[in-house]
Amino acid sequence: MNHKPAATFVATLLHSATVAHLMHLQTKSYATHVALGDYYAAIVGLVDKYAEAYQGCYAIIDEYPATFPVAKEPKGYFKRLYEFVDAARKTLPKESHLDNIADEISELIDSTRYKLNNLS
């Protein structure tokens, strides 16, 4: 089985916690600071949950991508992250429990986008 789509999904989302955390530390907007803090505090657990369930169904993901982008503008970054997740889900396995976890990830991204676009 080709684990590359799942590896890219997991690695990109784990990396998004670091990107969000760095932007959280750099923003001068309290609302943006809080929205990004909420995101990075929640995303790692959700991605870990997805990766462990995936590996329980298939096999251990033994190779991950090595490079990742850095962002400085939260609204644009989360728009691109939303688009990435939407596209990636079309290539991931269709196990219902994996879809449910991916739904939780999508909800967190959408909620963060709402806060960034409307509350900051």
C-alpha atoms as a PDB file:
ATOM      1  CA  MET A   1       0.000   0.000   0.000  1.00  0.00           C
ATOM      2  CA  ASN A   2       1.160   3.506  -0.798  1.00  0.00           C
ATOM      3  CA  HIS A   3       1.370   5.435   2.480  1.00  0.00           C
ATOM      4  CA  LYS A   4       2.570   8.673   0.850  1.00  0.00           C
ATOM      5  CA  PRO A   5      -0.843  10.458   0.891  1.00  0.00           C
ATOM      6  CA  ALA A   6      -1.321   9.664   4.592  1.00  0.00           C
ATOM      7  CA  ALA A   7       2.289  10.581   5.401  1.00  0.00           C
ATOM      8  CA  THR A   8       1.906  13.942   3.675  1.00  0.00           C
ATOM      9  CA  PHE A   9      -1.442  14.550   5.404  1.00  0.00           C
ATOM     10  CA  VAL A  10      -0.059  13.730   8.861  1.00  0.00           C
ATOM     11  CA  ALA A  11       3.239  15.578   8.436  1.00  0.00           C
ATOM     12  CA  THR A  12       1.662  18.713   6.974  1.00  0.00           C
ATOM     13  CA  LEU A  13      -0.877  18.930   9.778  1.00  0.00           C
ATOM     14  CA  LEU A  14       1.688  18.257  12.500  1.00  0.00           C
ATOM     15  CA  HIS A  15       3.829  20.975  10.971  1.00  0.00           C
ATOM     16  CA  SER A  16       0.818  23.312  10.956  1.00  0.00           C
ATOM     17  CA  ALA A  17       0.967  23.303  14.768  1.00  0.00           C
ATOM     18  CA  THR A  18       4.474  24.761  14.641  1.00  0.00           C
ATOM     19  CA  VAL A  19       3.539  27.295  11.971  1.00  0.00           C
ATOM     20  CA  ALA A  20       0.467  28.377  13.970  1.00  0.00           C
ATOM     21  CA  HIS A  21       2.517  28.551  17.165  1.00  0.00           C
ATOM     22  CA  LEU A  22       5.119  30.809  15.551  1.00  0.00           C
ATOM     23  CA  MET A  23       2.421  33.114  14.148  1.00  0.00           C
ATOM     24  CA  HIS A  24       0.741  33.055  17.596  1.00  0.00           C
ATOM     25  CA  LEU A  25       3.966  34.390  19.109  1.00  0.00           C
ATOM     26  CA  GLN A  26       4.397  37.064  16.430  1.00  0.00           C
ATOM     27  CA  THR A  27       0.905  38.561  16.187  1.00  0.00           C
ATOM     28  CA  LYS A  28      -0.047  41.834  17.813  1.00  0.00           C
ATOM     29  CA  SER A  29      -3.768  40.969  17.688  1.00  0.00           C
ATOM     30  CA  TYR A  30      -5.153  39.385  20.839  1.00  0.00           C
ATOM     31  CA  ALA A  31      -7.977  37.636  18.938  1.00  0.00           C
ATOM     32  CA  THR A  32      -5.493  36.183  16.431  1.00  0.00           C
ATOM     33  CA  HIS A  33      -3.212  35.162  19.300  1.00  0.00           C
ATOM     34  CA  VAL A  34      -6.060  33.256  20.983  1.00  0.00           C
ATOM     35  CA  ALA A  35      -7.367  31.666  17.748  1.00  0.00           C
ATOM     36  CA  LEU A  36      -3.913  30.385  16.823  1.00  0.00           C
ATOM     37  CA  GLY A  37      -3.297  29.188  20.384  1.00  0.00           C
ATOM     38  CA  ASP A  38      -6.531  27.200  20.326  1.00  0.00           C
ATOM     39  CA  TYR A  39      -5.534  25.670  16.995  1.00  0.00           C
ATOM     40  CA  TYR A  40      -2.031  24.533  17.866  1.00  0.00           C
ATOM     41  CA  ALA A  41      -3.208  23.180  21.219  1.00  0.00           C
ATOM     42  CA  ALA A  42      -5.785  20.923  19.522  1.00  0.00           C
ATOM     43  CA  ILE A  43      -4.311  19.886  16.170  1.00  0.00           C
ATOM     44  CA  VAL A  44      -1.482  17.643  17.405  1.00  0.00           C
ATOM     45  CA  GLY A  45      -3.854  15.381  19.345  1.00  0.00           C
ATOM     46  CA  LEU A  46      -6.227  15.068  16.401  1.00  0.00           C
ATOM     47  CA  VAL A  47      -3.432  14.270  13.953  1.00  0.00           C
ATOM     48  CA  ASP A  48      -1.929  11.744  16.359  1.00  0.00           C
ATOM     49  CA  LYS A  49      -5.358  10.119  16.656  1.00  0.00           C
ATOM     50  CA  TYR A  50      -5.619   9.935  12.845  1.00  0.00           C
ATOM     51  CA  ALA A  51      -2.088   8.535  12.403  1.00  0.00           C
ATOM     52  CA  GLU A  52      -2.542   5.848  15.047  1.00  0.00           C
ATOM     53  CA  ALA A  53      -5.908   4.753  13.638  1.00  0.00           C
ATOM     54  CA  TYR A  54      -4.486   4.712  10.100  1.00  0.00           C
ATOM     55  CA  GLN A  55      -1.523   2.619  11.218  1.00  0.00           C
ATOM     56  CA  GLY A  56      -3.860   0.264  13.072  1.00  0.00           C
ATOM     57  CA  CYS A  57      -5.763  -0.330   9.821  1.00  0.00           C
ATOM     58  CA  TYR A  58      -2.841  -0.510   7.424  1.00  0.00           C
ATOM     59  CA  ALA A  59       0.776  -0.337   8.557  1.00  0.00           C
ATOM     60  CA  ILE A  60       3.246   2.009  10.160  1.00  0.00           C
ATOM     61  CA  ILE A  61       4.029   5.057   8.075  1.00  0.00           C
ATOM     62  CA  ASP A  62       7.782   4.759   7.856  1.00  0.00           C
ATOM     63  CA  GLU A  63       8.646   7.766   5.716  1.00  0.00           C
ATOM     64  CA  TYR A  64       7.520  11.379   5.916  1.00  0.00           C
ATOM     65  CA  PRO A  65       8.232  14.423   3.741  1.00  0.00           C
ATOM     66  CA  ALA A  66      11.258  16.378   4.921  1.00  0.00           C
ATOM     67  CA  THR A  67      10.457  19.965   3.960  1.00  0.00           C
ATOM     68  CA  PHE A  68       7.659  22.305   4.896  1.00  0.00           C
ATOM     69  CA  PRO A  69       6.704  25.901   4.186  1.00  0.00           C
ATOM     70  CA  VAL A  70       6.734  28.647   6.796  1.00  0.00           C
ATOM     71  CA  ALA A  71       3.988  31.283   6.914  1.00  0.00           C
ATOM     72  CA  LYS A  72       3.645  34.707   8.446  1.00  0.00           C
ATOM     73  CA  GLU A  73       0.060  35.628   7.526  1.00  0.00           C
ATOM     74  CA  PRO A  74      -2.545  33.511   9.368  1.00  0.00           C
ATOM     75  CA  LYS A  75      -5.622  34.099   7.166  1.00  0.00           C
ATOM     76  CA  GLY A  76      -3.844  33.118   3.965  1.00  0.00           C
ATOM     77  CA  TYR A  77      -2.102  30.189   5.625  1.00  0.00           C
ATOM     78  CA  PHE A  78      -5.338  28.733   6.968  1.00  0.00           C
ATOM     79  CA  LYS A  79      -7.057  29.211   3.611  1.00  0.00           C
ATOM     80  CA  ARG A  80      -4.261  27.178   1.984  1.00  0.00           C
ATOM     81  CA  LEU A  81      -4.389  24.605   4.795  1.00  0.00           C
ATOM     82  CA  TYR A  82      -8.146  24.212   4.271  1.00  0.00           C
ATOM     83  CA  GLU A  83      -7.560  23.685   0.539  1.00  0.00           C
ATOM     84  CA  PHE A  84      -4.791  21.168   1.267  1.00  0.00           C
ATOM     85  CA  VAL A  85      -6.998  19.112   3.597  1.00  0.00           C
ATOM     86  CA  ASP A  86      -9.911  19.207   1.151  1.00  0.00           C
ATOM     87  CA  ALA A  87      -7.705  17.912  -1.681  1.00  0.00           C
ATOM     88  CA  ALA A  88      -5.834  15.397   0.488  1.00  0.00           C
ATOM     89  CA  ARG A  89      -9.017  13.776   1.755  1.00  0.00           C
ATOM     90  CA  LYS A  90      -9.794  12.665  -1.813  1.00  0.00           C
ATOM     91  CA  THR A  91      -6.603  10.561  -1.797  1.00  0.00           C
ATOM     92  CA  LEU A  92      -6.908   9.091   1.711  1.00  0.00           C
ATOM     93  CA  PRO A  93      -8.543   5.763   2.619  1.00  0.00           C
ATOM     94  CA  LYS A  94     -12.309   5.873   3.061  1.00  0.00           C
ATOM     95  CA  GLU A  95     -12.566   4.105   6.415  1.00  0.00           C
ATOM     96  CA  SER A  96     -15.451   5.766   8.278  1.00  0.00           C
ATOM     97  CA  HIS A  97     -13.517   6.246  11.517  1.00  0.00           C
ATOM     98  CA  LEU A  98     -10.615   7.860   9.618  1.00  0.00           C
ATOM     99  CA  ASP A  99     -13.117  10.109   7.839  1.00  0.00           C
ATOM    100  CA  ASN A 100     -14.588  11.063  11.221  1.00  0.00           C
ATOM    101  CA  ILE A 101     -11.185  12.128  12.548  1.00  0.00           C
ATOM    102  CA  ALA A 102     -10.490  14.018   9.324  1.00  0.00           C
ATOM    103  CA  ASP A 103     -13.875  15.730   9.840  1.00  0.00           C
ATOM    104  CA  GLU A 104     -12.721  16.857  13.284  1.00  0.00           C
ATOM    105  CA  ILE A 105      -9.528  18.238  11.734  1.00  0.00           C
ATOM    106  CA  SER A 106     -11.544  20.053   9.064  1.00  0.00           C
ATOM    107  CA  GLU A 107     -13.857  21.470  11.735  1.00  0.00           C
ATOM    108  CA  LEU A 108     -10.882  22.808  13.711  1.00  0.00           C
ATOM    109  CA  ILE A 109      -9.464  24.476  10.606  1.00  0.00           C
ATOM    110  CA  ASP A 110     -12.867  25.963   9.700  1.00  0.00           C
ATOM    111  CA  SER A 111     -13.404  27.216  13.244  1.00  0.00           C
ATOM    112  CA  THR A 112      -9.949  28.801  13.240  1.00  0.00           C
ATOM    113  CA  ARG A 113     -10.655  30.436   9.873  1.00  0.00           C
ATOM    114  CA  TYR A 114     -13.903  31.853  11.254  1.00  0.00           C
ATOM    115  CA  LYS A 115     -12.093  33.342  14.256  1.00  0.00           C
ATOM    116  CA  LEU A 116      -9.286  34.769  12.118  1.00  0.00           C
ATOM    117  CA  ASN A 117     -11.641  36.227   9.500  1.00  0.00           C
ATOM    118  CA  ASN A 118     -14.355  37.570  11.786  1.00  0.00           C
ATOM    119  CA  LEU A 119     -13.004  38.121  15.281  1.00  0.00           C
ATOM    120  CA  SER A 120      -9.549  39.553  14.747  1.00  0.00           C
END
